[in-house]
Amino acid sequence: MITQTEGRIILSEMQPHTQTPTFHKTHIWDKSDTQDYVLEYVEKVLLLPNSTLSLPVSSTHSILIIPYIGDLLVENTRVGQKSIEENQSFTLQADIYSEILNPYQDEIVTFFIAKYSTVLAEELNDISIQASKNQLMPISTSSWIGQFDGRQKGELSLSNNHKDVLVYVVDGAFEVQDRLLHAEDALLLNSVDMVDFEALSNEAILLFFELVLHTKRG
C-alpha cells in the first residue's frame, strides 16, 4: 500500500499558454519566488515550419532541450548549427544568444524546454525510449524519461535532500503515487523518498524532474 504523499496536480487545462504567429508555448510549471530550486521552469513548445524561437540569455543559466515530435536545429556562435534528433536531448549554456530552428517546410515540431539557474556542461545525450521501453532513462541534471506498456510499473528513488519532484505525462495515462494523470497533466510531489507509478495505456511516456535546491554557501 502506497502512503499518500503531499502533492499538487497541475491539470493540462490549468497550465498557461502563450501564442505567437510562429509558436505555441505551454507553461507546464514555474517555481515561485519563495522556492530556491535549481530548476526554474518547464515548458512545452510547438514551433511552426521554418520558424525560430529565441532562448533567454543569462551568464548563470542553462537550457535543457528535449525534442518530442520532429528534429530541431540549435544555433549560436559557439556550437554553430547543431542538429538535435527526436531520440536525443541537448543541454545548452545560456550565456550567449541562441535560437531553436524548425528545419521542416510543412511540419510543426514539438519539444520541451527546462531552464536551470546554474551553468551546466553543453552535451548531447541519447534518450532512445523506444529502444529501452519500460524503464526510465536519465536525461541530464536529475531528469528522466521513459516509455511504458500498459500495466507496466516502475519507481524512481530521489537523491536530493529536499525530496521534491515534478512529474509530467507526455502521452497516455499513468497512476503516479495513487493519483490518476492523463496526457499533459503534471504533478508536483513534496517530501518523497520514492515515486511509484503504473502505466495505464500502451506507449505511455513520462517525464521526471528532481527539484534540487541551490547549495547554500556559508
Protein backbone atom coordinates (compact mmCIF):
# COMPACT_ATOMS: atom_id res chain seq x y z
CA MET A 1 0.00 0.00 0.00
CA ILE A 2 1.36 3.40 -1.02
CA THR A 3 1.32 6.10 1.64
CA GLN A 4 -0.45 9.21 0.38
CA THR A 5 2.11 11.97 -0.01
CA GLU A 6 1.78 15.72 -0.18
CA GLY A 7 1.38 16.95 -3.71
CA ARG A 8 -0.48 19.09 -6.23
CA ILE A 9 -1.88 18.08 -9.61
CA ILE A 10 -1.47 20.67 -12.36
CA LEU A 11 -4.12 19.68 -14.90
CA SER A 12 -3.41 20.44 -18.56
CA GLU A 13 -6.23 22.99 -18.71
CA MET A 14 -4.71 24.85 -15.73
CA GLN A 15 -1.38 25.42 -17.50
CA PRO A 16 -0.99 28.93 -19.02
CA HIS A 17 -0.32 29.35 -22.75
CA THR A 18 1.50 31.85 -24.94
CA GLN A 19 0.56 32.12 -28.61
CA THR A 20 2.50 33.97 -31.32
CA PRO A 21 2.47 33.75 -35.14
CA THR A 22 5.41 31.28 -35.01
CA PHE A 23 4.94 29.17 -31.87
CA HIS A 24 2.56 27.94 -29.18
CA LYS A 25 4.05 27.59 -25.72
CA THR A 26 2.55 25.80 -22.70
CA HIS A 27 3.96 26.84 -19.32
CA ILE A 28 3.86 23.49 -17.53
CA TRP A 29 5.48 24.62 -14.29
CA ASP A 30 7.29 27.67 -12.88
CA LYS A 31 8.95 27.88 -9.49
CA SER A 32 7.57 30.53 -7.16
CA ASP A 33 9.52 33.46 -5.73
CA THR A 34 9.79 31.65 -2.39
CA GLN A 35 11.29 28.45 -3.86
CA ASP A 36 15.05 28.08 -4.26
CA TYR A 37 15.04 25.26 -6.80
CA VAL A 38 17.81 25.00 -9.40
CA LEU A 39 15.10 24.17 -11.97
CA GLU A 40 13.26 27.40 -12.83
CA TYR A 41 10.59 26.28 -15.28
CA VAL A 42 9.47 23.61 -17.74
CA GLU A 43 7.68 24.46 -21.00
CA LYS A 44 6.24 22.61 -23.98
CA VAL A 45 6.71 24.34 -27.34
CA LEU A 46 5.06 23.80 -30.72
CA LEU A 47 7.19 25.56 -33.34
CA LEU A 48 5.76 26.21 -36.79
CA PRO A 49 7.57 25.23 -40.02
CA ASN A 50 10.63 27.33 -40.94
CA SER A 51 10.31 29.27 -37.69
CA THR A 52 12.75 30.10 -34.91
CA LEU A 53 12.48 30.51 -31.15
CA SER A 54 14.93 32.76 -29.31
CA LEU A 55 16.23 31.47 -25.97
CA PRO A 56 16.75 33.64 -22.87
CA VAL A 57 20.31 34.88 -22.34
CA SER A 58 21.93 34.68 -18.89
CA SER A 59 25.51 34.02 -17.84
CA THR A 60 24.41 31.82 -14.92
CA HIS A 61 21.76 29.66 -16.58
CA SER A 62 21.47 26.61 -18.82
CA ILE A 63 18.70 25.25 -21.05
CA LEU A 64 17.77 21.58 -21.46
CA ILE A 65 16.08 20.84 -24.81
CA ILE A 66 14.10 17.60 -25.26
CA PRO A 67 12.62 17.04 -28.76
CA TYR A 68 9.34 15.10 -28.80
CA ILE A 69 7.99 15.24 -32.34
CA GLY A 70 10.49 16.11 -35.07
CA ASP A 71 14.13 17.09 -35.15
CA LEU A 72 15.48 20.54 -34.26
CA LEU A 73 18.40 22.78 -35.09
CA VAL A 74 20.09 24.76 -32.31
CA GLU A 75 22.28 27.66 -33.36
CA ASN A 76 24.70 30.09 -31.72
CA THR A 77 28.22 31.35 -32.32
CA ARG A 78 29.79 28.68 -30.08
CA VAL A 79 28.14 25.44 -31.27
CA GLY A 80 27.38 26.65 -34.79
CA GLN A 81 24.26 24.90 -36.08
CA LYS A 82 23.65 21.64 -34.23
CA SER A 83 21.03 19.04 -35.11
CA ILE A 84 19.04 17.55 -32.20
CA GLU A 85 17.03 14.47 -33.11
CA GLU A 86 13.85 13.06 -31.53
CA ASN A 87 15.84 10.44 -29.62
CA GLN A 88 18.30 12.94 -28.18
CA SER A 89 18.47 15.79 -25.69
CA PHE A 90 20.81 18.76 -25.59
CA THR A 91 22.00 20.90 -22.70
CA LEU A 92 22.90 24.42 -23.79
CA GLN A 93 24.65 27.14 -21.81
CA ALA A 94 22.59 30.32 -21.97
CA ASP A 95 25.42 32.87 -21.80
CA ILE A 96 25.09 33.87 -25.48
CA TYR A 97 22.20 34.50 -27.84
CA SER A 98 20.83 31.18 -29.16
CA GLU A 99 17.94 30.07 -31.35
CA ILE A 100 15.99 26.88 -31.92
CA LEU A 101 15.02 26.35 -35.55
CA ASN A 102 12.34 24.16 -37.12
CA PRO A 103 14.03 22.82 -40.27
CA TYR A 104 10.86 21.39 -41.86
CA GLN A 105 8.97 23.04 -44.70
CA ASP A 106 5.49 21.90 -43.68
CA GLU A 107 5.66 20.17 -40.28
CA ILE A 108 5.30 21.50 -36.73
CA VAL A 109 7.94 20.31 -34.25
CA THR A 110 7.19 19.75 -30.57
CA PHE A 111 9.78 19.88 -27.81
CA PHE A 112 10.29 20.61 -24.13
CA ILE A 113 12.49 23.28 -22.57
CA ALA A 114 13.74 23.22 -18.97
CA LYS A 115 15.67 26.21 -17.64
CA TYR A 116 18.21 25.80 -14.81
CA SER A 117 19.77 28.59 -12.75
CA THR A 118 23.21 27.02 -12.88
CA VAL A 119 25.89 26.54 -15.52
CA LEU A 120 25.85 23.00 -16.97
CA ALA A 121 28.15 21.35 -19.48
CA GLU A 122 26.93 21.51 -23.06
CA GLU A 123 26.25 17.92 -24.06
CA LEU A 124 24.18 15.79 -26.40
CA ASN A 125 22.57 12.71 -24.81
CA ASP A 126 20.85 9.67 -26.29
CA ILE A 127 17.32 9.08 -24.99
CA SER A 128 16.04 6.35 -27.31
CA ILE A 129 12.99 5.46 -25.21
CA GLN A 130 11.52 3.16 -27.90
CA ALA A 131 14.65 1.00 -27.74
CA SER A 132 14.65 0.95 -23.93
CA LYS A 133 10.97 0.52 -23.12
CA ASN A 134 9.57 0.03 -19.63
CA GLN A 135 12.42 1.78 -17.87
CA LEU A 136 13.37 5.34 -17.01
CA MET A 137 16.30 6.75 -18.95
CA PRO A 138 18.43 9.53 -17.45
CA ILE A 139 18.41 12.71 -19.50
CA SER A 140 20.67 15.03 -17.52
CA THR A 141 20.60 17.23 -14.44
CA SER A 142 18.38 14.96 -12.32
CA SER A 143 15.77 14.35 -15.03
CA TRP A 144 14.42 11.15 -16.61
CA ILE A 145 12.10 10.00 -19.38
CA GLY A 146 10.54 6.64 -20.16
CA GLN A 147 8.02 4.91 -22.42
CA PHE A 148 5.92 2.15 -20.88
CA ASP A 149 3.47 -0.52 -21.97
CA GLY A 150 0.08 -0.72 -20.30
CA ARG A 151 0.15 -2.06 -16.72
CA GLN A 152 3.92 -1.76 -16.51
CA LYS A 153 5.04 -0.47 -13.13
CA GLY A 154 8.11 1.48 -12.12
CA GLU A 155 9.65 3.58 -9.41
CA LEU A 156 12.10 6.42 -9.01
CA SER A 157 14.27 6.92 -5.93
CA LEU A 158 15.15 10.54 -5.18
CA SER A 159 18.67 11.51 -4.20
CA ASN A 160 18.25 15.14 -3.19
CA ASN A 161 17.63 16.00 0.45
CA HIS A 162 14.60 18.16 -0.24
CA LYS A 163 12.71 15.21 -1.83
CA ASP A 164 10.56 17.25 -4.22
CA VAL A 165 9.85 16.14 -7.78
CA LEU A 166 7.90 17.30 -10.83
CA VAL A 167 6.17 14.59 -12.90
CA TYR A 168 4.73 15.24 -16.37
CA VAL A 169 2.73 12.88 -18.59
CA VAL A 170 3.91 13.39 -22.16
CA ASP A 171 1.49 10.86 -23.65
CA GLY A 172 -1.00 8.26 -22.42
CA ALA A 173 -2.18 7.86 -18.83
CA PHE A 174 -0.46 6.93 -15.57
CA GLU A 175 -1.22 6.38 -11.94
CA VAL A 176 1.53 8.16 -10.02
CA GLN A 177 1.67 7.89 -6.24
CA ASP A 178 -2.04 6.95 -6.16
CA ARG A 179 -3.01 9.85 -8.44
CA LEU A 180 -4.53 9.49 -11.91
CA LEU A 181 -2.81 11.59 -14.56
CA HIS A 182 -3.67 11.94 -18.24
CA ALA A 183 -1.64 13.30 -21.14
CA GLU A 184 -0.22 16.79 -20.45
CA ASP A 185 -1.07 16.68 -16.73
CA ALA A 186 1.71 17.47 -14.26
CA LEU A 187 2.16 16.51 -10.62
CA LEU A 188 4.31 18.24 -8.01
CA LEU A 189 5.22 15.92 -5.12
CA ASN A 190 6.80 17.10 -1.88
CA SER A 191 8.92 15.24 0.66
CA VAL A 192 9.06 11.85 -1.04
CA ASP A 193 11.89 9.30 -1.00
CA MET A 194 10.48 7.21 -3.83
CA VAL A 195 7.84 7.72 -6.52
CA ASP A 196 5.78 4.71 -7.66
CA PHE A 197 3.92 4.73 -10.97
CA GLU A 198 1.97 2.45 -13.31
CA ALA A 199 1.22 2.99 -16.99
CA LEU A 200 -2.49 2.70 -17.80
CA SER A 201 -2.11 2.79 -21.59
CA ASN A 202 0.31 1.46 -24.17
CA GLU A 203 3.29 3.56 -25.28
CA ALA A 204 2.69 5.99 -22.44
CA ILE A 205 5.53 8.47 -21.84
CA LEU A 206 6.51 10.02 -18.51
CA LEU A 207 8.97 12.80 -17.60
CA PHE A 208 10.55 13.37 -14.17
CA PHE A 209 12.42 16.43 -12.89
CA GLU A 210 14.01 16.32 -9.44
CA LEU A 211 13.60 19.71 -7.78
CA VAL A 212 17.03 20.20 -6.24
CA LEU A 213 17.69 23.19 -4.01
CA HIS A 214 20.58 25.57 -4.54
CA THR A 215 23.53 24.75 -2.29
CA LYS A 216 23.85 27.39 0.40
CA ARG A 217 27.26 28.92 0.79
CA GLY A 218 28.49 29.93 4.20
